[in-house]
Amino acid sequence: MSPRISVLTTVFDPEPDHLAACLRSVGRQEFTDWEHILVDDASTRPWVHEMLSAAEAADPRVRVVERSENGGIVAASNDALALARGEWIALLDHDDELDPSALGAMLAACADDTDVAYSDHDLLRVDGRYASPSYKPDFSPERLRSQNYITHFLVARRSLVDEVGGFRQGYDGAQDHDLVLRLTERARHVAHVPLVLYHWRQSPASVTSSSDNKRWAFEAGVRAVADHCNRVGIDAAVEMTAEDGCYRVIRQLGAEPLVSVVIPTRGTSGRVWGASRAFVVDAVRSLLERSTYHHLEFVVVYDTATPVPVLQALDRLLGDRLVLVGYDRPFNFSEKMNIGALRATGELLLLLNDDTELIEPTSVATLVSHVMTDGVAMAGAKLLFADGTLQHGGHVYHHDLMHICFGWGGDSPGPWPLRPLAVERECSGVTAAAAMVERSTFLDVGGFAEELPLNYNDVDFCLKLRAAGHRIVWTPWASWYHFESRTRQSVLRPEEYEFINARWHREINHDPYYNPNLEPGHHDWLERPFRSGAPPVLTRPNVVSRVAGKLRAR
């Protein structure tokens, strides 16, 4: 009878204690219906043969193949795959270790329609301690294009691995990223097991110690992502970024649909960087002067108390591209945006606060390219305060409603090792202070809930989009300054939170793009105490910093 799961390990000159620990971790699995296939890729150290032979003799579930010449990890991996007899394939590096529950936990997550599963992992330091756990999101295809966040522990249905052609030559170093991209393109369901089941050893020659060790691997990653884009019909160029192992997918626009920029305002003026400005005028001017995307109309929903000179300045700037809509009711952000959407004529809506200023010239084009992608309903931008710190990196709904990494440095990649601020990724929501959505989709889900005049209206809107089966993407490649609440004093209303909690209680407490191992009420990937072998966190962010990251009126 064939084993249920085949663990594949390619071997080339590991340290003896590391290989021994790897073998031992498989042998100690609580789930016992496995085989461990090890392919020695012509190791030069004689003891490797001796250790592998002893392991094979000691346990009939261990099968060893010795290559006569070194072929590299792709060739060795394909040799291992050819020998596998299990229904499922699992990948384990020759110096890494599995948690004793790993195989059982992964297979328990593999329902009838599941073809691929992955777990969380951590690093096994040189001093033997576990550290730097990677608490991953549920399946995030946009993020997988930007980085191989899945890495370890990966389990896939054998039939699907065969169907996609196994490991491909020419992608050594990024062979796992290339494989998981091809697998997830065809998988019926991708399961995430939010448990640390894999310990990735940190050694002097490992990419976990220094990215300089495997620069060539990142170059192979660019090719893997570019090939993936071609297969799924994304017309894009792929580039490396300043963050090793993170890539930028630059989608090409075949056309420029009309974008209606919907801006609510009351014409407030104030001082930023020591100079006076009429906020809405400068927000519009920054788009006109800097944006590389020019097919724009501007729908300005203005309070009737807006100063006439502000409206005149907008008219001078925009001419016939300006649509002015008066509003004479008590402030209701949701109602103003709904009115603006109805008056807009563009195929796409750029929802924009008046207290913003464009930073990256290609921002509008970047947002357009995402919203024009199948399955994506909304795309949000990176927003910075006037001092350059981060205001918005996407929403996280983890027992609270928060901006990701609120207050971090504006150029920070975010918490290591996942670096969420350096990559495009799905998230549960984005702020409507600078976000794009297709007008028809906006209307289909009913726009903003006018029961939420100040707060959480974008949360409710995003959750309606997701409930309708759409994805929401945040990108670091579109950015604005957001002088938050400079045009309106922030007020938190308990009844608005009660509305959101009643309508979306489960969703605001279970964020699929965060992780249950992370501390509730935090937005910065702080793990719950004592979840990993890393030294416990002895100090916690104070209450003031936690409150600062909560969502509030724009």
Protein backbone atom coordinates (compact mmCIF):
# COMPACT_ATOMS: atom_id res chain seq x y z
CA MET A 1 0.00 0.00 0.00
CA SER A 2 1.35 3.44 -0.93
CA PRO A 3 2.17 5.94 1.81
CA ARG A 4 -0.18 8.89 2.25
CA ILE A 5 2.58 11.51 2.00
CA SER A 6 6.06 11.60 0.48
CA VAL A 7 8.59 13.96 2.06
CA LEU A 8 11.18 15.02 -0.52
CA THR A 9 14.67 16.13 0.55
CA THR A 10 17.61 16.88 -1.70
CA VAL A 11 20.99 16.56 -0.03
CA PHE A 12 24.32 18.16 -0.82
CA ASP A 13 27.13 18.45 1.73
CA PRO A 14 25.13 19.55 4.79
CA GLU A 15 26.61 19.70 8.28
CA PRO A 16 26.33 16.26 9.89
CA ASP A 17 24.33 17.39 12.91
CA HIS A 18 21.96 19.35 10.66
CA LEU A 19 21.20 16.37 8.43
CA ALA A 20 20.82 14.12 11.47
CA ALA A 21 18.32 16.56 12.96
CA CYS A 22 16.41 16.69 9.68
CA LEU A 23 16.15 12.90 9.53
CA ARG A 24 15.19 12.70 13.18
CA SER A 25 12.40 15.29 12.76
CA VAL A 26 10.73 13.12 10.09
CA GLY A 27 11.21 9.95 12.09
CA ARG A 28 9.47 11.52 15.08
CA GLN A 29 6.31 12.47 13.21
CA GLU A 30 3.10 11.68 15.08
CA PHE A 31 1.50 10.82 11.73
CA THR A 32 3.23 7.64 10.60
CA ASP A 33 1.99 6.92 7.07
CA TRP A 34 4.87 8.63 5.30
CA GLU A 35 7.96 7.96 3.24
CA HIS A 36 11.09 10.09 3.26
CA ILE A 37 12.86 10.23 -0.09
CA LEU A 38 16.37 11.65 0.02
CA VAL A 39 18.37 12.31 -3.13
CA ASP A 40 22.08 12.78 -2.53
CA ASP A 41 23.19 15.17 -5.26
CA ALA A 42 26.77 13.80 -5.42
CA SER A 43 27.89 15.09 -2.03
CA THR A 44 31.66 15.33 -1.62
CA ARG A 45 31.70 14.44 2.07
CA PRO A 46 31.96 10.66 2.65
CA TRP A 47 29.96 10.70 5.87
CA VAL A 48 26.83 11.82 3.95
CA HIS A 49 26.60 8.42 2.24
CA GLU A 50 27.18 6.66 5.54
CA MET A 51 24.47 8.62 7.41
CA LEU A 52 21.91 8.21 4.66
CA SER A 53 22.61 4.50 4.29
CA ALA A 54 22.22 4.01 8.04
CA ALA A 55 18.91 5.89 8.02
CA GLU A 56 17.62 3.77 5.14
CA ALA A 57 18.64 0.56 6.88
CA ALA A 58 16.99 1.61 10.13
CA ASP A 59 13.56 2.48 8.71
CA PRO A 60 11.96 1.02 5.55
CA ARG A 61 10.05 4.29 5.07
CA VAL A 62 13.35 6.04 4.30
CA ARG A 63 14.45 5.72 0.67
CA VAL A 64 17.80 7.03 -0.56
CA VAL A 65 19.02 7.69 -4.09
CA GLU A 66 22.58 8.72 -4.90
CA ARG A 67 23.26 10.70 -8.03
CA SER A 68 26.51 10.02 -9.86
CA GLU A 69 27.02 13.68 -10.64
CA ASN A 70 25.84 16.96 -9.18
CA GLY A 71 22.84 18.23 -11.13
CA GLY A 72 21.61 21.03 -8.87
CA ILE A 73 18.52 21.29 -6.74
CA VAL A 74 16.01 21.19 -9.60
CA ALA A 75 17.39 17.96 -11.09
CA ALA A 76 17.68 16.34 -7.68
CA SER A 77 14.16 17.42 -6.73
CA ASN A 78 12.74 15.91 -9.90
CA ASP A 79 14.56 12.67 -9.16
CA ALA A 80 12.93 12.61 -5.73
CA LEU A 81 9.53 13.41 -7.22
CA ALA A 82 9.85 10.55 -9.72
CA LEU A 83 10.31 8.08 -6.87
CA ALA A 84 7.48 9.41 -4.71
CA ARG A 85 4.51 7.08 -4.17
CA GLY A 86 2.40 9.22 -1.85
CA GLU A 87 -0.84 10.99 -2.64
CA TRP A 88 0.73 14.15 -1.21
CA ILE A 89 4.17 15.70 -1.68
CA ALA A 90 5.96 17.67 1.07
CA LEU A 91 9.21 19.59 0.70
CA LEU A 92 11.91 19.59 3.38
CA ASP A 93 15.41 21.03 3.05
CA HIS A 94 18.33 18.89 4.20
CA ASP A 95 19.20 21.09 7.19
CA ASP A 96 15.70 22.05 8.34
CA GLU A 97 13.37 20.39 10.83
CA LEU A 98 9.68 19.59 11.11
CA ASP A 99 7.58 19.95 14.20
CA PRO A 100 6.41 16.47 15.36
CA SER A 101 2.82 17.35 14.46
CA ALA A 102 3.65 18.76 11.01
CA LEU A 103 2.51 16.01 8.67
CA GLY A 104 -0.65 15.25 10.61
CA ALA A 105 -1.66 18.88 10.91
CA MET A 106 -1.12 19.54 7.22
CA LEU A 107 -3.06 16.51 6.07
CA ALA A 108 -5.90 17.33 8.47
CA ALA A 109 -6.26 20.66 6.62
CA CYS A 110 -6.39 19.01 3.20
CA ALA A 111 -10.11 18.69 2.51
CA ASP A 112 -11.45 17.02 -0.63
CA ASP A 113 -11.08 20.14 -2.76
CA THR A 114 -7.72 21.23 -1.31
CA ASP A 115 -4.76 20.82 -3.64
CA VAL A 116 -2.11 22.93 -1.88
CA ALA A 117 -1.49 23.68 1.79
CA TYR A 118 1.14 25.70 3.62
CA SER A 119 1.96 26.47 7.23
CA ASP A 120 3.70 29.16 9.22
CA HIS A 121 7.40 28.70 9.94
CA ASP A 122 10.17 30.18 12.02
CA LEU A 123 13.98 30.28 11.91
CA LEU A 124 16.23 27.87 13.75
CA ARG A 125 19.12 30.03 14.90
CA VAL A 126 22.76 28.95 15.13
CA ASP A 127 22.38 28.85 18.94
CA GLY A 128 19.54 26.36 18.61
CA ARG A 129 16.72 28.74 19.51
CA TYR A 130 13.61 29.30 17.44
CA ALA A 131 13.11 32.91 16.34
CA SER A 132 11.54 35.24 13.80
CA PRO A 133 8.28 33.38 13.20
CA SER A 134 6.59 34.08 9.87
CA TYR A 135 2.90 34.36 10.70
CA LYS A 136 1.39 34.34 7.25
CA PRO A 137 -1.92 35.40 5.76
CA ASP A 138 -4.37 33.05 4.13
CA PHE A 139 -3.83 32.61 0.41
CA SER A 140 -2.95 35.96 -1.16
CA PRO A 141 -2.26 35.65 -4.91
CA GLU A 142 -1.17 39.27 -5.32
CA ARG A 143 1.29 38.92 -2.49
CA LEU A 144 2.62 35.67 -3.95
CA ARG A 145 3.46 37.56 -7.12
CA SER A 146 5.38 40.10 -5.03
CA GLN A 147 7.21 37.62 -2.78
CA ASN A 148 7.27 33.94 -1.99
CA TYR A 149 5.63 34.44 1.36
CA ILE A 150 4.59 30.75 1.44
CA THR A 151 8.09 29.18 1.42
CA HIS A 152 7.85 26.49 4.13
CA PHE A 153 6.04 24.19 4.94
CA LEU A 154 4.52 23.32 1.56
CA VAL A 155 2.37 20.27 0.87
CA ALA A 156 0.73 19.64 -2.52
CA ARG A 157 -1.36 16.94 -4.13
CA ARG A 158 0.93 14.67 -6.16
CA SER A 159 -1.37 14.62 -9.18
CA LEU A 160 -1.27 18.42 -9.42
CA VAL A 161 2.52 18.52 -9.05
CA ASP A 162 2.75 16.13 -11.99
CA GLU A 163 0.17 18.11 -13.95
CA VAL A 164 2.18 21.35 -13.75
CA GLY A 165 5.43 19.61 -14.68
CA GLY A 166 7.28 19.33 -11.39
CA PHE A 167 10.38 21.45 -10.91
CA ARG A 168 11.60 23.48 -13.91
CA GLN A 169 15.18 23.77 -15.03
CA GLY A 170 16.61 27.29 -15.06
CA TYR A 171 14.94 28.37 -11.82
CA ASP A 172 17.45 27.06 -9.28
CA GLY A 173 17.17 29.12 -6.12
CA ALA A 174 13.61 30.13 -6.92
CA GLN A 175 12.38 26.65 -7.84
CA ASP A 176 9.92 26.58 -4.94
CA HIS A 177 8.47 29.99 -5.84
CA ASP A 178 8.13 28.92 -9.46
CA LEU A 179 6.46 25.66 -8.41
CA VAL A 180 4.00 27.23 -5.98
CA LEU A 181 2.99 29.85 -8.55
CA ARG A 182 2.18 27.10 -11.05
CA LEU A 183 0.40 25.00 -8.43
CA THR A 184 -1.80 27.82 -7.16
CA GLU A 185 -2.76 28.82 -10.70
CA ARG A 186 -4.59 25.49 -11.03
CA ALA A 187 -5.40 24.57 -7.44
CA ARG A 188 -9.07 24.32 -6.53
CA HIS A 189 -8.34 25.47 -3.00
CA VAL A 190 -5.20 26.60 -1.17
CA ALA A 191 -5.27 25.99 2.59
CA HIS A 192 -3.24 27.86 5.20
CA VAL A 193 -2.43 26.14 8.50
CA PRO A 194 -1.65 28.93 11.02
CA LEU A 195 0.79 26.86 13.05
CA VAL A 196 4.60 26.96 13.12
CA LEU A 197 5.28 23.50 11.75
CA TYR A 198 8.63 24.08 10.05
CA HIS A 199 11.96 25.29 11.42
CA TRP A 200 14.12 26.86 8.72
CA ARG A 201 17.74 26.64 9.76
CA GLN A 202 19.79 29.81 9.76
CA SER A 203 23.31 28.91 8.70
CA PRO A 204 26.25 30.92 7.30
CA ALA A 205 25.52 29.75 3.75
CA SER A 206 21.77 30.24 3.97
CA VAL A 207 19.71 33.03 2.44
CA THR A 208 18.17 33.41 5.92
CA SER A 209 21.54 34.69 7.14
CA SER A 210 22.54 36.91 4.24
CA SER A 211 20.79 37.72 0.97
CA ASP A 212 24.21 38.13 -0.66
CA ASN A 213 24.54 34.35 -0.55
CA LYS A 214 21.81 33.86 -3.14
CA ARG A 215 21.52 36.95 -5.31
CA TRP A 216 21.09 34.65 -8.27
CA ALA A 217 18.06 33.15 -6.58
CA PHE A 218 16.27 36.50 -6.61
CA GLU A 219 17.05 36.92 -10.30
CA ALA A 220 15.48 33.53 -10.91
CA GLY A 221 12.50 34.75 -8.89
CA VAL A 222 11.98 37.62 -11.33
CA ARG A 223 11.82 35.14 -14.20
CA ALA A 224 9.43 32.90 -12.29
CA VAL A 225 7.01 35.75 -11.61
CA ALA A 226 7.26 37.03 -15.19
CA ASP A 227 6.43 33.57 -16.51
CA HIS A 228 3.49 33.36 -14.13
CA CYS A 229 2.14 36.69 -15.37
CA ASN A 230 2.34 35.46 -18.95
CA ARG A 231 0.47 32.27 -18.08
CA VAL A 232 -2.40 34.04 -16.29
CA GLY A 233 -2.74 36.83 -18.85
CA ILE A 234 -1.23 39.73 -16.91
CA ASP A 235 0.64 42.03 -19.31
CA ALA A 236 3.40 43.21 -17.01
CA ALA A 237 7.07 43.81 -16.48
CA VAL A 238 8.65 42.37 -13.34
CA GLU A 239 11.44 44.09 -11.47
CA MET A 240 13.48 43.45 -8.36
CA THR A 241 13.02 45.98 -5.57
CA ALA A 242 15.25 47.32 -2.83
CA GLU A 243 13.97 44.48 -0.63
CA ASP A 244 15.62 41.19 -1.55
CA GLY A 245 13.13 38.56 -2.54
CA CYS A 246 10.42 41.16 -3.17
CA TYR A 247 9.33 42.00 -6.69
CA ARG A 248 7.31 44.69 -8.38
CA VAL A 249 4.80 43.69 -11.04
CA ILE A 250 4.24 46.69 -13.31
CA ARG A 251 1.05 46.09 -15.26
CA GLN A 252 0.77 47.63 -18.70
CA LEU A 253 -2.39 49.58 -19.47
CA GLY A 254 -3.86 48.91 -22.88
CA ALA A 255 -6.23 51.86 -22.54
CA GLU A 256 -6.89 54.76 -20.19
CA PRO A 257 -10.50 54.65 -18.99
CA LEU A 258 -11.91 57.88 -17.61
CA VAL A 259 -11.27 58.18 -13.88
CA SER A 260 -13.64 60.35 -11.86
CA VAL A 261 -11.84 61.80 -8.85
CA VAL A 262 -14.53 62.17 -6.19
CA ILE A 263 -13.52 64.68 -3.50
CA PRO A 264 -15.73 65.85 -0.63
CA THR A 265 -14.75 69.25 0.76
CA ARG A 266 -15.81 72.29 2.68
CA GLY A 267 -12.93 74.37 1.32
CA THR A 268 -10.83 74.44 4.49
CA SER A 269 -7.47 76.19 4.52
CA GLY A 270 -4.55 75.54 6.84
CA ARG A 271 -0.78 75.38 7.17
CA VAL A 272 1.42 72.46 6.13
CA TRP A 273 5.22 72.57 6.12
CA GLY A 274 5.09 76.21 7.18
CA ALA A 275 2.96 77.40 4.28
CA SER A 276 -0.76 78.14 3.94
CA ARG A 277 -2.88 76.14 1.53
CA ALA A 278 -6.47 75.63 0.51
CA PHE A 279 -6.47 71.86 0.90
CA VAL A 280 -8.78 70.84 -1.91
CA VAL A 281 -7.08 73.19 -4.38
CA ASP A 282 -3.64 71.80 -3.60
CA ALA A 283 -4.94 68.22 -3.70
CA VAL A 284 -6.24 68.81 -7.22
CA ARG A 285 -3.17 70.76 -8.30
CA SER A 286 -0.84 67.94 -7.24
CA LEU A 287 -2.71 65.54 -9.52
CA LEU A 288 -2.69 67.93 -12.43
CA GLU A 289 1.00 68.75 -12.11
CA ARG A 290 2.45 65.36 -11.17
CA SER A 291 0.22 62.53 -12.33
CA THR A 292 1.26 60.60 -15.42
CA TYR A 293 -2.39 59.60 -15.86
CA HIS A 294 -4.34 62.44 -17.45
CA HIS A 295 -7.77 61.07 -18.37
CA LEU A 296 -9.44 62.50 -15.28
CA GLU A 297 -12.57 64.34 -14.30
CA PHE A 298 -13.01 65.90 -10.85
CA VAL A 299 -16.29 65.62 -9.00
CA VAL A 300 -16.10 67.99 -6.02
CA VAL A 301 -18.93 67.64 -3.54
CA TYR A 302 -18.73 70.86 -1.58
CA ASP A 303 -20.52 72.21 1.47
CA THR A 304 -22.51 75.32 0.59
CA ALA A 305 -20.38 77.17 3.16
CA THR A 306 -17.27 76.57 1.04
CA PRO A 307 -15.51 79.91 0.36
CA VAL A 308 -16.22 81.21 -3.13
CA PRO A 309 -12.51 81.85 -3.88
CA VAL A 310 -11.84 78.12 -3.38
CA LEU A 311 -14.49 77.20 -5.94
CA GLN A 312 -13.18 79.83 -8.32
CA ALA A 313 -9.64 78.45 -7.97
CA LEU A 314 -10.90 74.95 -8.81
CA ASP A 315 -12.71 76.28 -11.86
CA ARG A 316 -9.55 78.02 -13.10
CA LEU A 317 -7.51 74.83 -12.64
CA LEU A 318 -9.95 72.38 -14.16
CA GLY A 319 -12.30 74.15 -16.55
CA ASP A 320 -14.70 71.68 -18.16
CA ARG A 321 -13.16 68.75 -16.26
CA LEU A 322 -14.77 70.05 -13.07
CA VAL A 323 -18.16 68.85 -11.82
CA LEU A 324 -19.31 70.87 -8.79
CA VAL A 325 -22.02 69.38 -6.59
CA GLY A 326 -23.40 71.45 -3.73
CA TYR A 327 -24.22 69.84 -0.38
CA ASP A 328 -26.28 71.64 2.26
CA ARG A 329 -26.87 68.95 4.88
CA PRO A 330 -25.02 68.15 8.15
CA PHE A 331 -21.70 66.48 7.40
CA ASN A 332 -22.02 62.90 6.22
CA PHE A 333 -18.97 61.57 4.40
CA SER A 334 -20.85 58.54 3.13
CA GLU A 335 -23.67 60.56 1.64
CA LYS A 336 -21.27 63.00 -0.01
CA MET A 337 -19.31 60.18 -1.63
CA ASN A 338 -22.49 58.47 -2.82
CA ILE A 339 -23.70 61.72 -4.39
CA GLY A 340 -20.34 62.19 -6.07
CA ALA A 341 -20.38 58.65 -7.46
CA LEU A 342 -23.83 59.21 -8.95
CA ARG A 343 -22.71 62.42 -10.65
CA ALA A 344 -19.48 60.89 -11.96
CA THR A 345 -19.25 59.80 -15.58
CA GLY A 346 -16.00 57.85 -15.37
CA GLU A 347 -15.74 54.08 -15.55
CA LEU A 348 -13.54 54.23 -12.45
CA LEU A 349 -13.81 56.25 -9.25
CA LEU A 350 -10.79 57.59 -7.38
CA LEU A 351 -12.10 58.27 -3.89
CA LEU A 352 -9.90 61.02 -2.48
CA ASN A 353 -9.86 63.17 0.60
CA ASP A 354 -9.33 66.86 0.07
CA ASP A 355 -6.43 66.96 2.56
CA THR A 356 -4.07 64.96 0.36
CA GLU A 357 -1.15 65.59 -1.96
CA LEU A 358 0.11 63.20 -4.63
CA ILE A 359 3.62 61.83 -4.09
CA GLU A 360 4.28 59.14 -6.71
CA PRO A 361 3.41 60.34 -10.25
CA THR A 362 2.37 56.87 -11.46
CA SER A 363 -0.04 56.34 -8.54
CA VAL A 364 -3.27 56.71 -10.49
CA ALA A 365 -2.05 54.43 -13.28
CA THR A 366 -0.98 51.83 -10.70
CA LEU A 367 -4.41 51.85 -9.05
CA VAL A 368 -6.14 51.65 -12.43
CA SER A 369 -4.04 48.64 -13.40
CA HIS A 370 -5.17 46.76 -10.30
CA VAL A 371 -8.85 47.59 -10.56
CA MET A 372 -8.80 46.47 -14.19
CA THR A 373 -7.50 43.05 -13.06
CA ASP A 374 -10.09 40.27 -12.89
CA GLY A 375 -11.34 39.70 -9.37
CA VAL A 376 -10.01 42.95 -7.90
CA ALA A 377 -12.71 45.45 -6.95
CA MET A 378 -10.72 48.04 -5.03
CA ALA A 379 -7.12 49.20 -4.77
CA GLY A 380 -5.72 51.37 -2.02
CA ALA A 381 -2.64 53.54 -1.72
CA LYS A 382 0.13 54.11 0.78
CA LEU A 383 -0.55 57.29 2.76
CA LEU A 384 2.00 59.31 4.71
CA PHE A 385 1.60 62.03 7.28
CA ALA A 386 3.29 65.37 6.68
CA ASP A 387 6.29 64.21 8.73
CA GLY A 388 6.81 61.18 6.47
CA THR A 389 5.48 58.55 8.87
CA LEU A 390 2.96 56.00 7.74
CA GLN A 391 -0.75 56.73 8.09
CA HIS A 392 -2.09 53.88 5.98
CA GLY A 393 -0.68 50.55 4.85
CA GLY A 394 -4.02 48.80 4.47
CA HIS A 395 -6.56 47.87 7.10
CA VAL A 396 -6.33 45.04 9.59
CA TYR A 397 -9.44 43.78 11.40
CA HIS A 398 -8.06 41.78 14.32
CA HIS A 399 -10.37 42.30 17.30
CA ASP A 400 -10.20 45.98 16.43
CA LEU A 401 -10.24 48.15 13.31
CA MET A 402 -6.77 49.46 12.56
CA HIS A 403 -4.33 50.82 10.00
CA ILE A 404 -1.43 48.43 9.42
CA CYS A 405 1.85 49.64 10.96
CA PHE A 406 0.39 53.04 11.79
CA GLY A 407 3.15 55.53 12.62
CA TRP A 408 6.03 53.47 11.24
CA GLY A 409 8.64 55.14 9.04
CA GLY A 410 7.23 55.92 5.62
CA ASP A 411 10.03 54.05 3.85
CA SER A 412 10.01 51.04 6.20
CA PRO A 413 9.31 47.63 4.64
CA GLY A 414 7.42 46.68 7.80
CA PRO A 415 8.01 43.87 10.28
CA TRP A 416 10.59 41.29 9.23
CA PRO A 417 10.52 38.71 7.76
CA LEU A 418 7.23 39.22 5.87
CA ARG A 419 7.79 42.96 5.20
CA PRO A 420 4.14 43.75 4.43
CA LEU A 421 4.80 47.40 3.56
CA ALA A 422 7.18 46.47 0.74
CA VAL A 423 4.78 44.37 -1.34
CA GLU A 424 1.45 44.55 -3.10
CA ARG A 425 -0.99 42.31 -1.29
CA GLU A 426 -4.60 41.51 -0.63
CA CYS A 427 -6.00 42.94 2.57
CA SER A 428 -9.39 43.03 4.23
CA GLY A 429 -9.86 46.72 3.54
CA VAL A 430 -8.29 50.02 2.59
CA THR A 431 -9.06 53.59 3.53
CA ALA A 432 -11.30 55.61 1.25
CA ALA A 433 -8.96 58.57 1.70
CA ALA A 434 -7.19 57.45 -1.49
CA ALA A 435 -8.63 54.37 -3.18
CA MET A 436 -9.96 53.32 -6.55
CA VAL A 437 -13.03 51.25 -7.39
CA GLU A 438 -15.01 50.53 -10.53
CA ARG A 439 -18.09 52.77 -10.57
CA SER A 440 -20.45 49.94 -11.48
CA THR A 441 -19.15 47.84 -8.60
CA PHE A 442 -19.52 50.77 -6.21
CA LEU A 443 -23.17 51.08 -7.19
CA ASP A 444 -23.80 47.32 -7.22
CA VAL A 445 -22.92 46.97 -3.51
CA GLY A 446 -24.87 50.09 -2.56
CA GLY A 447 -22.03 52.54 -2.06
CA PHE A 448 -21.25 53.79 1.44
CA ALA A 449 -23.64 53.17 4.33
CA GLU A 450 -25.11 56.56 5.18
CA GLU A 451 -25.76 55.29 8.71
CA LEU A 452 -21.97 55.81 9.11
CA PRO A 453 -21.46 59.54 8.53
CA LEU A 454 -17.97 59.78 10.08
CA ASN A 455 -16.26 56.50 10.88
CA TYR A 456 -15.95 52.96 9.54
CA ASN A 457 -17.82 53.70 6.31
CA ASP A 458 -14.86 52.44 4.30
CA VAL A 459 -14.65 49.34 6.52
CA ASP A 460 -18.28 48.54 5.82
CA PHE A 461 -17.83 49.21 2.11
CA CYS A 462 -14.75 46.97 1.88
CA LEU A 463 -16.48 44.15 3.71
CA LYS A 464 -19.43 44.42 1.33
CA LEU A 465 -17.04 44.07 -1.59
CA ARG A 466 -15.41 41.00 -0.07
CA ALA A 467 -18.79 39.47 0.78
CA ALA A 468 -19.64 39.83 -2.93
CA GLY A 469 -16.56 37.75 -3.79
CA HIS A 470 -14.16 40.56 -4.74
CA ARG A 471 -10.54 41.06 -3.73
CA ILE A 472 -9.03 44.28 -2.35
CA VAL A 473 -5.39 45.14 -3.01
CA TRP A 474 -3.06 47.57 -1.26
CA THR A 475 0.02 48.80 -3.09
CA PRO A 476 3.12 50.65 -1.88
CA TRP A 477 3.66 51.92 -5.43
CA ALA A 478 0.81 54.45 -5.22
CA SER A 479 1.27 57.10 -2.56
CA TRP A 480 -0.11 60.38 -1.27
CA TYR A 481 0.51 62.61 1.69
CA HIS A 482 -2.55 62.64 3.91
CA PHE A 483 -2.82 65.53 6.34
CA GLU A 484 -5.38 63.45 8.23
CA SER A 485 -8.35 65.29 9.71
CA ARG A 486 -6.79 68.67 8.99
CA THR A 487 -10.08 69.62 7.35
CA ARG A 488 -12.35 68.14 10.01
CA GLN A 489 -11.95 67.34 13.68
CA SER A 490 -11.86 63.62 14.41
CA VAL A 491 -14.81 62.32 16.42
CA LEU A 492 -15.39 58.69 17.41
CA ARG A 493 -19.06 57.76 17.81
CA PRO A 494 -19.90 54.59 19.79
CA GLU A 495 -23.05 54.02 17.76
CA GLU A 496 -21.00 53.73 14.57
CA TYR A 497 -18.84 50.99 16.04
CA GLU A 498 -21.99 49.24 17.29
CA PHE A 499 -23.36 49.33 13.73
CA ILE A 500 -20.19 47.78 12.29
CA ASN A 501 -19.94 45.20 15.04
CA ALA A 502 -23.54 44.11 14.58
CA ARG A 503 -23.22 43.79 10.80
CA TRP A 504 -19.69 42.35 10.57
CA HIS A 505 -18.87 40.87 13.97
CA ARG A 506 -17.10 37.80 12.64
CA GLU A 507 -15.23 39.65 9.90
CA ILE A 508 -13.77 42.32 12.19
CA ASN A 509 -12.48 39.64 14.55
CA HIS A 510 -11.10 37.18 11.98
CA ASP A 511 -8.92 38.86 9.38
CA PRO A 512 -7.81 36.28 6.76
CA TYR A 513 -4.88 38.46 5.74
CA TYR A 514 -3.50 38.74 9.28
CA ASN A 515 -2.90 35.72 11.56
CA PRO A 516 -4.53 34.32 14.72
CA ASN A 517 -1.12 33.96 16.37
CA LEU A 518 -0.78 37.75 16.49
CA GLU A 519 -1.76 39.92 19.43
CA PRO A 520 -5.35 41.23 19.28
CA GLY A 521 -5.69 44.98 19.03
CA HIS A 522 -2.25 45.43 17.42
CA HIS A 523 -1.46 46.32 13.85
CA ASP A 524 2.26 45.54 13.68
CA TRP A 525 2.57 41.72 13.62
CA LEU A 526 3.33 41.54 17.33
CA GLU A 527 2.92 37.90 18.26
CA ARG A 528 0.89 36.71 21.21
CA PRO A 529 3.11 35.95 24.21
CA PHE A 530 4.91 32.62 24.28
CA ARG A 531 3.73 31.50 20.85
CA SER A 532 7.24 30.87 19.52
CA GLY A 533 10.63 30.00 20.93
CA ALA A 534 11.79 33.58 20.47
CA PRO A 535 12.58 35.58 23.64
CA PRO A 536 9.29 36.82 25.13
CA VAL A 537 8.34 40.42 24.56
CA LEU A 538 8.66 42.15 27.92
CA THR A 539 7.28 45.54 26.90
CA ARG A 540 4.15 46.29 24.97
CA PRO A 541 3.20 49.40 22.99
CA ASN A 542 1.38 51.78 25.29
CA VAL A 543 -2.28 52.58 25.11
CA VAL A 544 -1.70 55.88 23.35
CA SER A 545 0.06 54.27 20.40
CA ARG A 546 -2.66 51.62 20.12
CA VAL A 547 -5.43 54.21 20.05
CA ALA A 548 -3.50 56.19 17.43
CA GLY A 549 -3.67 53.30 15.01
CA LYS A 550 -7.42 52.88 15.22
CA LEU A 551 -9.61 53.89 12.32
CA ARG A 552 -11.32 57.20 12.73
CA ALA A 553 -13.04 59.90 10.75
CA ARG A 554 -11.25 61.33 7.78
